[in-house]
N, C-alpha and C. Protein backbone atom coordinates (compact mmCIF):
# COMPACT_ATOMS: atom_id res chain seq x y z
N MET A 1 11.19 -10.43 -20.15
CA MET A 1 9.98 -10.79 -19.40
C MET A 1 10.04 -12.27 -19.03
N PHE A 2 9.53 -12.63 -17.86
CA PHE A 2 9.57 -14.02 -17.42
C PHE A 2 8.37 -14.29 -16.53
N GLU A 3 8.10 -15.59 -16.34
CA GLU A 3 6.95 -15.98 -15.51
C GLU A 3 7.39 -16.16 -14.06
N LEU A 4 6.51 -15.75 -13.15
CA LEU A 4 6.84 -15.81 -11.72
C LEU A 4 5.59 -16.15 -10.93
N PRO A 5 5.64 -17.14 -10.03
CA PRO A 5 4.52 -17.36 -9.10
C PRO A 5 4.38 -16.15 -8.20
N ILE A 6 3.15 -15.73 -7.95
CA ILE A 6 2.90 -14.50 -7.18
C ILE A 6 2.19 -14.85 -5.87
N PHE A 7 2.73 -14.31 -4.77
CA PHE A 7 2.17 -14.52 -3.44
C PHE A 7 1.70 -13.16 -2.91
N PRO A 8 0.41 -12.82 -3.03
CA PRO A 8 -0.08 -11.55 -2.50
C PRO A 8 -0.15 -11.61 -0.97
N LEU A 9 0.43 -10.62 -0.31
CA LEU A 9 0.49 -10.59 1.15
C LEU A 9 0.16 -9.18 1.65
N ASN A 10 -0.11 -9.09 2.94
CA ASN A 10 -0.35 -7.79 3.56
C ASN A 10 0.96 -7.20 4.09
N THR A 11 2.02 -7.39 3.34
CA THR A 11 3.32 -6.87 3.73
C THR A 11 4.11 -6.54 2.48
N VAL A 12 5.14 -5.72 2.65
CA VAL A 12 6.01 -5.33 1.54
C VAL A 12 7.40 -5.90 1.80
N LEU A 13 7.93 -6.60 0.81
CA LEU A 13 9.27 -7.16 0.90
C LEU A 13 10.22 -6.30 0.07
N PHE A 14 11.38 -5.98 0.67
CA PHE A 14 12.39 -5.19 -0.02
C PHE A 14 13.61 -6.06 -0.35
N PRO A 15 14.31 -5.74 -1.43
CA PRO A 15 15.52 -6.51 -1.77
C PRO A 15 16.51 -6.56 -0.61
N GLY A 16 17.05 -7.74 -0.36
CA GLY A 16 18.03 -7.94 0.70
C GLY A 16 17.45 -8.15 2.08
N MET A 17 16.13 -8.03 2.21
CA MET A 17 15.50 -8.13 3.53
C MET A 17 14.87 -9.50 3.75
N PRO A 18 14.88 -10.00 5.00
CA PRO A 18 14.30 -11.30 5.31
C PRO A 18 12.81 -11.22 5.60
N LEU A 19 12.13 -12.33 5.42
CA LEU A 19 10.70 -12.43 5.73
C LEU A 19 10.40 -13.87 6.11
N SER A 20 9.63 -14.06 7.18
CA SER A 20 9.20 -15.40 7.61
C SER A 20 7.74 -15.59 7.26
N LEU A 21 7.41 -16.77 6.73
CA LEU A 21 6.04 -17.05 6.31
C LEU A 21 5.62 -18.43 6.81
N HIS A 22 4.36 -18.53 7.22
CA HIS A 22 3.76 -19.82 7.57
C HIS A 22 2.84 -20.22 6.41
N ILE A 23 3.14 -21.32 5.79
CA ILE A 23 2.40 -21.78 4.61
C ILE A 23 1.42 -22.86 5.05
N PHE A 24 0.12 -22.55 4.93
CA PHE A 24 -0.88 -23.52 5.39
C PHE A 24 -2.00 -23.76 4.38
N GLU A 25 -2.20 -22.85 3.45
CA GLU A 25 -3.25 -23.06 2.45
C GLU A 25 -2.76 -24.00 1.36
N ASP A 26 -3.68 -24.84 0.85
CA ASP A 26 -3.30 -25.82 -0.16
C ASP A 26 -2.68 -25.16 -1.39
N ARG A 27 -3.24 -24.02 -1.82
CA ARG A 27 -2.73 -23.39 -3.05
C ARG A 27 -1.29 -22.91 -2.87
N TYR A 28 -0.96 -22.45 -1.66
CA TYR A 28 0.40 -21.98 -1.46
C TYR A 28 1.35 -23.10 -1.05
N LYS A 29 0.81 -24.18 -0.48
CA LYS A 29 1.65 -25.37 -0.29
C LYS A 29 2.07 -25.91 -1.65
N LEU A 30 1.14 -25.89 -2.60
CA LEU A 30 1.45 -26.33 -3.97
C LEU A 30 2.49 -25.41 -4.60
N MET A 31 2.30 -24.11 -4.46
CA MET A 31 3.20 -23.15 -5.08
C MET A 31 4.61 -23.24 -4.51
N ILE A 32 4.70 -23.25 -3.16
CA ILE A 32 6.02 -23.30 -2.52
C ILE A 32 6.69 -24.64 -2.79
N GLY A 33 5.91 -25.71 -2.79
CA GLY A 33 6.47 -27.02 -3.10
C GLY A 33 7.10 -27.05 -4.48
N LYS A 34 6.44 -26.42 -5.44
CA LYS A 34 6.98 -26.37 -6.80
C LYS A 34 8.22 -25.49 -6.86
N CYS A 35 8.20 -24.38 -6.13
CA CYS A 35 9.38 -23.51 -6.10
C CYS A 35 10.58 -24.25 -5.50
N LEU A 36 10.34 -25.02 -4.45
CA LEU A 36 11.43 -25.79 -3.84
C LEU A 36 11.94 -26.86 -4.80
N GLN A 37 11.01 -27.52 -5.46
CA GLN A 37 11.41 -28.58 -6.39
C GLN A 37 12.23 -28.03 -7.55
N GLU A 38 11.84 -26.88 -8.04
CA GLU A 38 12.51 -26.29 -9.20
C GLU A 38 13.60 -25.30 -8.81
N ARG A 39 13.80 -25.12 -7.49
CA ARG A 39 14.81 -24.19 -6.98
C ARG A 39 14.64 -22.80 -7.60
N ARG A 40 13.44 -22.30 -7.55
CA ARG A 40 13.16 -21.01 -8.13
C ARG A 40 12.52 -20.08 -7.10
N ALA A 41 12.55 -18.81 -7.39
CA ALA A 41 11.98 -17.81 -6.50
C ALA A 41 10.50 -17.62 -6.81
N PHE A 42 9.82 -16.91 -5.92
CA PHE A 42 8.45 -16.47 -6.18
C PHE A 42 8.39 -14.98 -5.89
N GLY A 43 7.25 -14.38 -6.21
CA GLY A 43 7.13 -12.94 -6.02
C GLY A 43 6.22 -12.59 -4.86
N VAL A 44 6.70 -11.73 -3.97
CA VAL A 44 5.88 -11.20 -2.88
C VAL A 44 5.38 -9.82 -3.30
N VAL A 45 4.07 -9.63 -3.26
CA VAL A 45 3.46 -8.36 -3.67
C VAL A 45 2.40 -7.97 -2.65
N LEU A 46 2.39 -6.70 -2.29
CA LEU A 46 1.38 -6.20 -1.37
C LEU A 46 0.00 -6.27 -2.00
N ILE A 47 -0.98 -6.73 -1.23
CA ILE A 47 -2.36 -6.83 -1.71
C ILE A 47 -2.93 -5.42 -1.92
N ARG A 48 -3.52 -5.23 -3.10
CA ARG A 48 -4.22 -3.99 -3.38
C ARG A 48 -5.68 -4.10 -2.96
N GLN A 49 -6.26 -5.26 -3.23
CA GLN A 49 -7.66 -5.49 -2.89
C GLN A 49 -7.87 -6.98 -2.63
N GLY A 50 -8.62 -7.30 -1.58
CA GLY A 50 -8.89 -8.68 -1.26
C GLY A 50 -8.24 -9.10 0.04
N ALA A 51 -8.34 -10.40 0.34
CA ALA A 51 -7.83 -10.95 1.60
C ALA A 51 -6.59 -11.79 1.34
N GLU A 52 -5.77 -11.89 2.39
CA GLU A 52 -4.51 -12.63 2.27
C GLU A 52 -4.74 -14.14 2.20
N ALA A 53 -5.76 -14.63 2.88
CA ALA A 53 -5.94 -16.08 2.98
C ALA A 53 -7.42 -16.46 2.97
N LEU A 54 -7.65 -17.73 2.64
CA LEU A 54 -8.96 -18.36 2.77
C LEU A 54 -10.06 -17.60 2.02
N GLY A 55 -9.79 -17.30 0.80
CA GLY A 55 -10.78 -16.61 -0.02
C GLY A 55 -10.32 -16.56 -1.47
N PRO A 56 -11.04 -15.79 -2.29
CA PRO A 56 -10.61 -15.64 -3.70
C PRO A 56 -9.21 -15.05 -3.78
N LEU A 57 -8.55 -15.29 -4.89
CA LEU A 57 -7.22 -14.73 -5.08
C LEU A 57 -7.26 -13.21 -4.99
N ALA A 58 -6.37 -12.65 -4.21
CA ALA A 58 -6.34 -11.21 -4.00
C ALA A 58 -5.73 -10.51 -5.21
N GLU A 59 -6.10 -9.26 -5.39
CA GLU A 59 -5.51 -8.44 -6.44
C GLU A 59 -4.24 -7.78 -5.90
N PRO A 60 -3.09 -8.03 -6.53
CA PRO A 60 -1.85 -7.46 -6.01
C PRO A 60 -1.54 -6.11 -6.65
N ASN A 61 -0.63 -5.38 -6.00
CA ASN A 61 -0.06 -4.20 -6.63
C ASN A 61 0.81 -4.62 -7.82
N LYS A 62 1.25 -3.67 -8.59
CA LYS A 62 2.02 -3.97 -9.79
C LYS A 62 3.50 -4.19 -9.52
N ILE A 63 4.02 -3.60 -8.43
CA ILE A 63 5.45 -3.71 -8.13
C ILE A 63 5.65 -4.62 -6.93
N GLY A 64 6.54 -5.60 -7.07
CA GLY A 64 6.83 -6.52 -5.97
C GLY A 64 8.31 -6.84 -5.92
N CYS A 65 8.64 -7.85 -5.14
CA CYS A 65 10.04 -8.26 -4.96
C CYS A 65 10.14 -9.78 -5.02
N THR A 66 11.10 -10.28 -5.77
CA THR A 66 11.30 -11.72 -5.81
C THR A 66 11.83 -12.20 -4.46
N ALA A 67 11.42 -13.40 -4.08
CA ALA A 67 11.78 -13.96 -2.78
C ALA A 67 12.44 -15.32 -2.98
N PHE A 68 13.66 -15.44 -2.48
CA PHE A 68 14.39 -16.71 -2.54
C PHE A 68 14.22 -17.44 -1.22
N ILE A 69 13.83 -18.70 -1.28
CA ILE A 69 13.59 -19.50 -0.07
C ILE A 69 14.93 -19.94 0.51
N SER A 70 15.22 -19.46 1.72
CA SER A 70 16.51 -19.76 2.35
C SER A 70 16.39 -20.80 3.46
N GLN A 71 15.19 -20.95 4.04
CA GLN A 71 14.99 -21.92 5.12
C GLN A 71 13.62 -22.56 4.99
N VAL A 72 13.55 -23.83 5.35
CA VAL A 72 12.27 -24.55 5.31
C VAL A 72 12.15 -25.42 6.55
N GLU A 73 11.01 -25.30 7.23
CA GLU A 73 10.67 -26.20 8.34
C GLU A 73 9.36 -26.89 7.96
N ARG A 74 9.42 -28.18 7.72
CA ARG A 74 8.23 -28.91 7.29
C ARG A 74 7.43 -29.35 8.51
N LEU A 75 6.12 -29.15 8.43
CA LEU A 75 5.22 -29.43 9.52
C LEU A 75 4.19 -30.48 9.10
N HIS A 76 3.23 -30.74 9.99
CA HIS A 76 2.20 -31.73 9.69
C HIS A 76 1.30 -31.27 8.54
N GLN A 77 0.75 -32.24 7.80
CA GLN A 77 -0.23 -31.99 6.75
C GLN A 77 0.29 -31.07 5.66
N GLY A 78 1.58 -31.13 5.40
CA GLY A 78 2.17 -30.36 4.31
C GLY A 78 2.40 -28.90 4.61
N ARG A 79 2.07 -28.46 5.83
CA ARG A 79 2.31 -27.06 6.17
C ARG A 79 3.82 -26.82 6.32
N MET A 80 4.22 -25.57 6.18
CA MET A 80 5.63 -25.23 6.25
C MET A 80 5.82 -23.87 6.90
N ASN A 81 6.93 -23.73 7.61
CA ASN A 81 7.46 -22.42 7.95
C ASN A 81 8.65 -22.19 7.05
N ILE A 82 8.66 -21.08 6.37
CA ILE A 82 9.78 -20.80 5.48
C ILE A 82 10.36 -19.42 5.78
N GLY A 83 11.64 -19.28 5.52
CA GLY A 83 12.30 -17.99 5.58
C GLY A 83 12.75 -17.63 4.18
N VAL A 84 12.50 -16.40 3.77
CA VAL A 84 12.90 -15.97 2.43
C VAL A 84 13.74 -14.70 2.53
N ILE A 85 14.48 -14.44 1.47
CA ILE A 85 15.27 -13.22 1.34
C ILE A 85 14.83 -12.51 0.07
N GLY A 86 14.51 -11.22 0.21
CA GLY A 86 14.15 -10.45 -0.97
C GLY A 86 15.34 -10.31 -1.91
N GLN A 87 15.06 -10.40 -3.21
CA GLN A 87 16.15 -10.32 -4.18
C GLN A 87 16.04 -9.08 -5.07
N ARG A 88 15.12 -9.12 -6.05
CA ARG A 88 15.05 -8.04 -7.03
C ARG A 88 13.61 -7.56 -7.18
N ARG A 89 13.47 -6.28 -7.45
CA ARG A 89 12.14 -5.73 -7.71
C ARG A 89 11.68 -6.15 -9.11
N PHE A 90 10.38 -6.28 -9.23
CA PHE A 90 9.81 -6.59 -10.54
C PHE A 90 8.50 -5.83 -10.71
N ARG A 91 8.08 -5.75 -11.97
CA ARG A 91 6.81 -5.12 -12.30
C ARG A 91 5.95 -6.16 -13.02
N ILE A 92 4.68 -6.28 -12.60
CA ILE A 92 3.77 -7.24 -13.22
C ILE A 92 3.23 -6.66 -14.51
N ILE A 93 3.37 -7.42 -15.58
CA ILE A 93 2.83 -7.03 -16.88
C ILE A 93 1.43 -7.61 -17.08
N SER A 94 1.26 -8.88 -16.70
CA SER A 94 -0.05 -9.53 -16.80
C SER A 94 -0.13 -10.65 -15.79
N LEU A 95 -1.36 -11.06 -15.45
CA LEU A 95 -1.58 -12.11 -14.46
C LEU A 95 -2.33 -13.28 -15.09
N ASP A 96 -2.02 -14.49 -14.61
CA ASP A 96 -2.66 -15.72 -15.07
C ASP A 96 -3.32 -16.37 -13.85
N THR A 97 -4.61 -16.67 -13.95
CA THR A 97 -5.35 -17.27 -12.82
C THR A 97 -5.78 -18.70 -13.11
N GLU A 98 -5.14 -19.37 -14.05
CA GLU A 98 -5.53 -20.74 -14.40
C GLU A 98 -5.22 -21.73 -13.28
N LEU A 99 -4.13 -21.52 -12.56
CA LEU A 99 -3.77 -22.40 -11.45
C LEU A 99 -4.43 -21.90 -10.16
N PRO A 100 -4.37 -22.69 -9.09
CA PRO A 100 -4.97 -22.24 -7.82
C PRO A 100 -4.30 -20.97 -7.26
N TYR A 101 -3.06 -20.69 -7.67
CA TYR A 101 -2.36 -19.49 -7.23
C TYR A 101 -2.07 -18.62 -8.45
N LEU A 102 -1.73 -17.36 -8.19
CA LEU A 102 -1.46 -16.43 -9.29
C LEU A 102 -0.08 -16.68 -9.91
N ARG A 103 -0.02 -16.49 -11.20
CA ARG A 103 1.25 -16.43 -11.91
C ARG A 103 1.28 -15.13 -12.70
N GLY A 104 2.45 -14.55 -12.78
CA GLY A 104 2.54 -13.28 -13.48
C GLY A 104 3.62 -13.30 -14.55
N GLN A 105 3.34 -12.61 -15.65
CA GLN A 105 4.39 -12.27 -16.59
C GLN A 105 4.98 -10.96 -16.08
N VAL A 106 6.26 -10.99 -15.72
CA VAL A 106 6.86 -9.84 -15.05
C VAL A 106 8.15 -9.44 -15.74
N GLU A 107 8.62 -8.25 -15.41
CA GLU A 107 9.92 -7.79 -15.86
C GLU A 107 10.64 -7.18 -14.68
N HIS A 108 11.97 -7.28 -14.68
CA HIS A 108 12.75 -6.67 -13.61
C HIS A 108 12.56 -5.16 -13.63
N PHE A 109 12.61 -4.55 -12.44
CA PHE A 109 12.33 -3.13 -12.28
C PHE A 109 13.44 -2.50 -11.44
N PRO A 110 14.64 -2.37 -12.01
CA PRO A 110 15.77 -1.83 -11.24
C PRO A 110 15.64 -0.32 -11.05
N LEU A 111 16.26 0.18 -10.00
CA LEU A 111 16.34 1.61 -9.81
C LEU A 111 17.25 2.22 -10.88
N THR A 112 16.89 3.39 -11.36
CA THR A 112 17.71 4.07 -12.35
C THR A 112 18.48 5.20 -11.68
N GLU A 113 19.80 5.22 -11.91
CA GLU A 113 20.65 6.27 -11.36
C GLU A 113 22.01 6.16 -12.02
N SER A 114 22.56 7.27 -12.45
CA SER A 114 23.85 7.23 -13.14
C SER A 114 24.96 7.92 -12.36
N GLU A 115 24.65 8.44 -11.15
CA GLU A 115 25.65 9.17 -10.38
C GLU A 115 25.82 8.55 -9.00
N PRO A 116 26.69 7.54 -8.88
CA PRO A 116 26.88 6.89 -7.58
C PRO A 116 27.38 7.84 -6.51
N GLU A 117 28.09 8.92 -6.90
CA GLU A 117 28.57 9.87 -5.91
C GLU A 117 27.40 10.53 -5.18
N SER A 118 26.35 10.87 -5.93
CA SER A 118 25.19 11.51 -5.29
C SER A 118 24.48 10.53 -4.37
N GLN A 119 24.49 9.26 -4.71
CA GLN A 119 23.89 8.25 -3.83
C GLN A 119 24.64 8.19 -2.50
N GLU A 120 25.97 8.27 -2.57
CA GLU A 120 26.78 8.23 -1.35
C GLU A 120 26.44 9.41 -0.44
N VAL A 121 26.31 10.59 -1.03
CA VAL A 121 26.00 11.79 -0.25
C VAL A 121 24.64 11.65 0.41
N LEU A 122 23.65 11.21 -0.37
CA LEU A 122 22.30 11.07 0.16
C LEU A 122 22.23 9.98 1.23
N ALA A 123 22.99 8.90 1.04
CA ALA A 123 23.02 7.83 2.03
C ALA A 123 23.65 8.32 3.33
N ASP A 124 24.72 9.12 3.23
CA ASP A 124 25.36 9.68 4.42
C ASP A 124 24.41 10.59 5.19
N ARG A 125 23.52 11.27 4.47
CA ARG A 125 22.54 12.14 5.13
C ARG A 125 21.42 11.33 5.78
N LEU A 126 21.11 10.19 5.20
CA LEU A 126 20.03 9.35 5.72
C LEU A 126 20.46 8.57 6.96
N ARG A 127 21.67 8.05 6.95
CA ARG A 127 22.12 7.09 7.98
C ARG A 127 21.91 7.58 9.42
N PRO A 128 22.33 8.81 9.78
CA PRO A 128 22.15 9.23 11.19
C PRO A 128 20.69 9.32 11.60
N TRP A 129 19.80 9.60 10.66
CA TRP A 129 18.38 9.65 10.99
C TRP A 129 17.84 8.25 11.29
N VAL A 130 18.34 7.25 10.57
CA VAL A 130 17.92 5.87 10.84
C VAL A 130 18.39 5.43 12.22
N VAL A 131 19.64 5.75 12.53
CA VAL A 131 20.20 5.39 13.84
C VAL A 131 19.41 6.06 14.95
N ARG A 132 19.13 7.34 14.79
CA ARG A 132 18.38 8.06 15.83
C ARG A 132 16.97 7.50 15.97
N TYR A 133 16.34 7.19 14.84
CA TYR A 133 14.99 6.63 14.86
C TYR A 133 14.95 5.33 15.65
N LEU A 134 15.91 4.46 15.40
CA LEU A 134 15.94 3.17 16.09
C LEU A 134 16.19 3.36 17.58
N ASP A 135 17.05 4.32 17.93
CA ASP A 135 17.30 4.62 19.35
C ASP A 135 16.03 5.14 20.03
N ASP A 136 15.35 6.08 19.36
CA ASP A 136 14.12 6.65 19.93
C ASP A 136 13.03 5.60 20.05
N LEU A 137 12.94 4.74 19.04
CA LEU A 137 11.92 3.70 19.05
C LEU A 137 12.17 2.71 20.18
N SER A 138 13.43 2.37 20.40
CA SER A 138 13.78 1.47 21.50
C SER A 138 13.42 2.07 22.84
N ARG A 139 13.67 3.37 22.98
CA ARG A 139 13.41 4.03 24.25
C ARG A 139 11.90 4.12 24.52
N LEU A 140 11.13 4.46 23.50
CA LEU A 140 9.68 4.60 23.68
C LEU A 140 8.99 3.26 23.91
N SER A 141 9.43 2.24 23.19
CA SER A 141 8.79 0.93 23.28
C SER A 141 9.38 0.09 24.40
N GLU A 142 10.51 0.54 24.96
CA GLU A 142 11.23 -0.20 26.00
C GLU A 142 11.61 -1.60 25.53
N VAL A 143 11.83 -1.70 24.21
CA VAL A 143 12.31 -2.95 23.61
C VAL A 143 13.59 -2.63 22.86
N GLU A 144 14.65 -3.34 23.19
CA GLU A 144 15.94 -3.09 22.55
C GLU A 144 15.92 -3.63 21.14
N LEU A 145 16.16 -2.76 20.18
CA LEU A 145 16.24 -3.16 18.77
C LEU A 145 17.71 -3.38 18.42
N LYS A 146 18.05 -4.62 18.16
CA LYS A 146 19.44 -4.95 17.90
C LYS A 146 19.71 -4.93 16.40
N ILE A 147 20.35 -3.88 15.94
CA ILE A 147 20.79 -3.77 14.56
C ILE A 147 22.31 -3.75 14.58
N ASP A 148 22.93 -4.87 14.21
CA ASP A 148 24.39 -4.99 14.32
C ASP A 148 25.10 -3.92 13.50
N GLN A 149 24.68 -3.77 12.25
CA GLN A 149 25.35 -2.81 11.39
C GLN A 149 24.46 -2.50 10.21
N LEU A 150 24.24 -1.23 9.96
CA LEU A 150 23.48 -0.83 8.79
C LEU A 150 24.35 -1.02 7.54
N PRO A 151 23.76 -1.36 6.42
CA PRO A 151 24.54 -1.54 5.19
C PRO A 151 25.30 -0.27 4.82
N THR A 152 26.44 -0.44 4.21
CA THR A 152 27.23 0.71 3.77
C THR A 152 26.87 1.13 2.35
N GLU A 153 26.47 0.20 1.52
CA GLU A 153 26.12 0.52 0.13
C GLU A 153 24.80 1.30 0.12
N PRO A 154 24.70 2.39 -0.62
CA PRO A 154 23.53 3.27 -0.54
C PRO A 154 22.19 2.60 -0.79
N ILE A 155 22.10 1.78 -1.84
CA ILE A 155 20.81 1.18 -2.16
C ILE A 155 20.43 0.14 -1.10
N ALA A 156 21.41 -0.62 -0.63
CA ALA A 156 21.14 -1.59 0.44
C ALA A 156 20.70 -0.88 1.70
N LEU A 157 21.32 0.27 2.00
CA LEU A 157 20.90 1.06 3.16
C LEU A 157 19.47 1.55 2.99
N ALA A 158 19.13 2.00 1.78
CA ALA A 158 17.78 2.50 1.52
C ALA A 158 16.75 1.43 1.76
N TYR A 159 17.00 0.23 1.25
CA TYR A 159 16.01 -0.85 1.41
C TYR A 159 15.93 -1.30 2.86
N ALA A 160 17.06 -1.31 3.56
CA ALA A 160 17.03 -1.66 4.99
C ALA A 160 16.24 -0.61 5.76
N ALA A 161 16.47 0.66 5.45
CA ALA A 161 15.75 1.75 6.12
C ALA A 161 14.26 1.66 5.86
N ALA A 162 13.89 1.33 4.63
CA ALA A 162 12.47 1.20 4.28
C ALA A 162 11.83 0.05 5.05
N ALA A 163 12.55 -1.05 5.18
CA ALA A 163 12.01 -2.21 5.89
C ALA A 163 11.88 -1.96 7.38
N LEU A 164 12.80 -1.18 7.96
CA LEU A 164 12.80 -0.93 9.40
C LEU A 164 11.72 0.06 9.84
N LEU A 165 11.22 0.84 8.93
CA LEU A 165 10.20 1.84 9.28
C LEU A 165 8.95 1.18 9.86
N GLN A 166 8.45 1.75 10.93
CA GLN A 166 7.17 1.33 11.49
C GLN A 166 6.10 2.21 10.84
N ALA A 167 5.74 1.84 9.61
CA ALA A 167 4.83 2.65 8.80
C ALA A 167 3.82 1.75 8.12
N PRO A 168 2.68 2.31 7.69
CA PRO A 168 1.67 1.50 6.99
C PRO A 168 2.25 0.86 5.73
N ALA A 169 1.72 -0.30 5.40
CA ALA A 169 2.22 -1.03 4.23
C ALA A 169 2.07 -0.21 2.96
N GLU A 170 1.01 0.58 2.87
CA GLU A 170 0.80 1.37 1.66
C GLU A 170 1.91 2.40 1.48
N GLU A 171 2.41 2.97 2.58
CA GLU A 171 3.52 3.93 2.47
C GLU A 171 4.80 3.21 2.07
N LYS A 172 5.00 2.01 2.59
CA LYS A 172 6.17 1.24 2.19
C LYS A 172 6.09 0.85 0.72
N GLN A 173 4.87 0.58 0.25
CA GLN A 173 4.71 0.24 -1.16
C GLN A 173 5.14 1.41 -2.05
N GLN A 174 4.82 2.63 -1.64
CA GLN A 174 5.24 3.79 -2.41
C GLN A 174 6.77 3.88 -2.48
N LEU A 175 7.44 3.50 -1.41
CA LEU A 175 8.90 3.47 -1.43
C LEU A 175 9.41 2.39 -2.38
N LEU A 176 8.77 1.22 -2.35
CA LEU A 176 9.17 0.15 -3.27
C LEU A 176 8.94 0.55 -4.72
N ASN A 177 7.96 1.40 -4.96
CA ASN A 177 7.63 1.83 -6.32
C ASN A 177 8.62 2.84 -6.88
N SER A 178 9.52 3.36 -6.06
CA SER A 178 10.44 4.42 -6.49
C SER A 178 11.20 4.01 -7.75
N GLU A 179 11.31 4.95 -8.66
CA GLU A 179 12.02 4.67 -9.90
C GLU A 179 13.49 5.05 -9.83
N ARG A 180 13.82 6.07 -9.03
CA ARG A 180 15.20 6.56 -8.96
C ARG A 180 15.77 6.40 -7.56
N ALA A 181 17.04 6.02 -7.51
CA ALA A 181 17.69 5.82 -6.21
C ALA A 181 17.73 7.11 -5.41
N SER A 182 18.01 8.24 -6.06
CA SER A 182 18.10 9.51 -5.34
C SER A 182 16.76 9.88 -4.73
N ALA A 183 15.67 9.62 -5.46
CA ALA A 183 14.34 9.92 -4.93
C ALA A 183 14.02 9.04 -3.73
N LEU A 184 14.40 7.77 -3.80
CA LEU A 184 14.15 6.85 -2.69
C LEU A 184 14.90 7.31 -1.44
N LEU A 185 16.17 7.63 -1.58
CA LEU A 185 16.97 8.06 -0.43
C LEU A 185 16.46 9.38 0.15
N THR A 186 16.07 10.29 -0.72
CA THR A 186 15.55 11.58 -0.27
C THR A 186 14.22 11.42 0.44
N ASP A 187 13.32 10.62 -0.14
CA ASP A 187 12.01 10.39 0.48
C ASP A 187 12.15 9.72 1.84
N LEU A 188 13.08 8.79 1.94
CA LEU A 188 13.28 8.10 3.22
C LEU A 188 13.76 9.08 4.30
N ARG A 189 14.67 9.96 3.95
CA ARG A 189 15.15 10.95 4.93
C ARG A 189 14.00 11.84 5.40
N THR A 190 13.13 12.23 4.47
CA THR A 190 11.97 13.06 4.84
C THR A 190 11.05 12.31 5.78
N ILE A 191 10.80 11.03 5.49
CA ILE A 191 9.91 10.22 6.33
C ILE A 191 10.52 10.01 7.71
N TYR A 192 11.81 9.72 7.75
CA TYR A 192 12.46 9.50 9.04
C TYR A 192 12.45 10.76 9.90
N ARG A 193 12.67 11.90 9.29
CA ARG A 193 12.61 13.15 10.05
C ARG A 193 11.20 13.37 10.61
N ARG A 194 10.20 13.05 9.80
CA ARG A 194 8.81 13.18 10.26
C ARG A 194 8.53 12.24 11.42
N GLU A 195 8.94 10.98 11.29
CA GLU A 195 8.66 9.99 12.32
C GLU A 195 9.38 10.32 13.62
N ILE A 196 10.59 10.83 13.52
CA ILE A 196 11.33 11.21 14.73
C ILE A 196 10.65 12.39 15.43
N ALA A 197 10.15 13.33 14.64
CA ALA A 197 9.42 14.46 15.23
C ALA A 197 8.17 13.98 15.95
N ILE A 198 7.47 13.01 15.36
CA ILE A 198 6.27 12.47 15.99
C ILE A 198 6.62 11.77 17.30
N MET A 199 7.69 10.97 17.27
CA MET A 199 8.09 10.26 18.48
C MET A 199 8.54 11.23 19.57
N LYS A 200 9.19 12.32 19.17
CA LYS A 200 9.60 13.32 20.15
C LYS A 200 8.38 13.94 20.82
N ALA A 201 7.34 14.23 20.01
CA ALA A 201 6.11 14.81 20.57
C ALA A 201 5.42 13.82 21.49
N VAL A 202 5.39 12.57 21.09
CA VAL A 202 4.77 11.54 21.94
C VAL A 202 5.52 11.41 23.25
N GLY A 203 6.85 11.41 23.18
CA GLY A 203 7.65 11.30 24.39
C GLY A 203 7.43 12.46 25.34
N GLU A 204 7.30 13.67 24.78
CA GLU A 204 7.05 14.84 25.62
C GLU A 204 5.67 14.77 26.27
N ASP A 205 4.68 14.28 25.51
CA ASP A 205 3.33 14.14 26.07
C ASP A 205 3.33 13.14 27.22
N LEU A 206 4.06 12.05 27.04
CA LEU A 206 4.11 11.03 28.10
C LEU A 206 4.78 11.58 29.35
N SER A 207 5.82 12.39 29.16
CA SER A 207 6.52 12.98 30.31
C SER A 207 5.61 13.93 31.07
N GLN A 208 4.82 14.73 30.32
CA GLN A 208 3.91 15.67 30.96
C GLN A 208 2.78 14.94 31.69
N ASP A 209 2.29 13.86 31.08
CA ASP A 209 1.21 13.10 31.72
C ASP A 209 1.68 12.46 33.02
N GLN A 210 2.95 12.05 33.01
CA GLN A 210 3.47 11.37 34.20
C GLN A 210 3.61 12.33 35.37
N GLY A 211 3.93 13.60 35.08
CA GLY A 211 4.07 14.59 36.15
C GLY A 211 5.37 14.39 36.91
N PRO A 212 5.51 15.07 38.04
CA PRO A 212 6.77 15.02 38.78
C PRO A 212 6.99 13.73 39.57
N PHE A 213 5.93 12.93 39.70
CA PHE A 213 6.08 11.69 40.49
C PHE A 213 5.83 10.48 39.59
N SER A 214 6.55 9.44 39.85
CA SER A 214 6.36 8.20 39.14
C SER A 214 5.56 7.24 39.98
N LEU A 215 4.60 6.57 39.34
CA LEU A 215 3.80 5.58 40.05
C LEU A 215 4.49 4.21 40.11
N ASN A 216 5.61 4.07 39.43
CA ASN A 216 6.28 2.77 39.40
C ASN A 216 7.17 2.59 40.61
């Protein structure tokens, strides 16, 4: 068990994934400043109850991800733009509210799995659905999504797939809460199949609404 500064946010951070943050509140300027000084990570956790900024400290979920600060842009009045990379999942055991920001006694929360061969099989089943989803999403949104290369390692692929999903934060939190790698990979494939079916239905509806003539 170890102590970790906690940053409750309206987003879910997954291991290996990047996140950009604008730091403007005094309590988080203090927290990030200390993390930079001590070269230590902090914890990103989805808010369970409360507001992200300018109010009482929010109540976080129990499972979060450590965030390593990889980039810093210092601005006026101590504000900062920072880039972080998710590292490891953790579980909050207890919270301390003595400082202006939350601190937690936490423990690492690794995925449990003893059969890497099964992970490879499940990852191979998931990968084409992620590729198709990104293609369909690009076509529907008319915005090109540039993904150079999906990770080859199964767990890295799972976390990348979870981060890429255009889904509510609460659903992503359930994925972060997964205890077993096989369950995470299987759940992701189910979600991707569902989302692709929804996008297919939306695309068909748009085609029917447009009719035989285009107004463009």
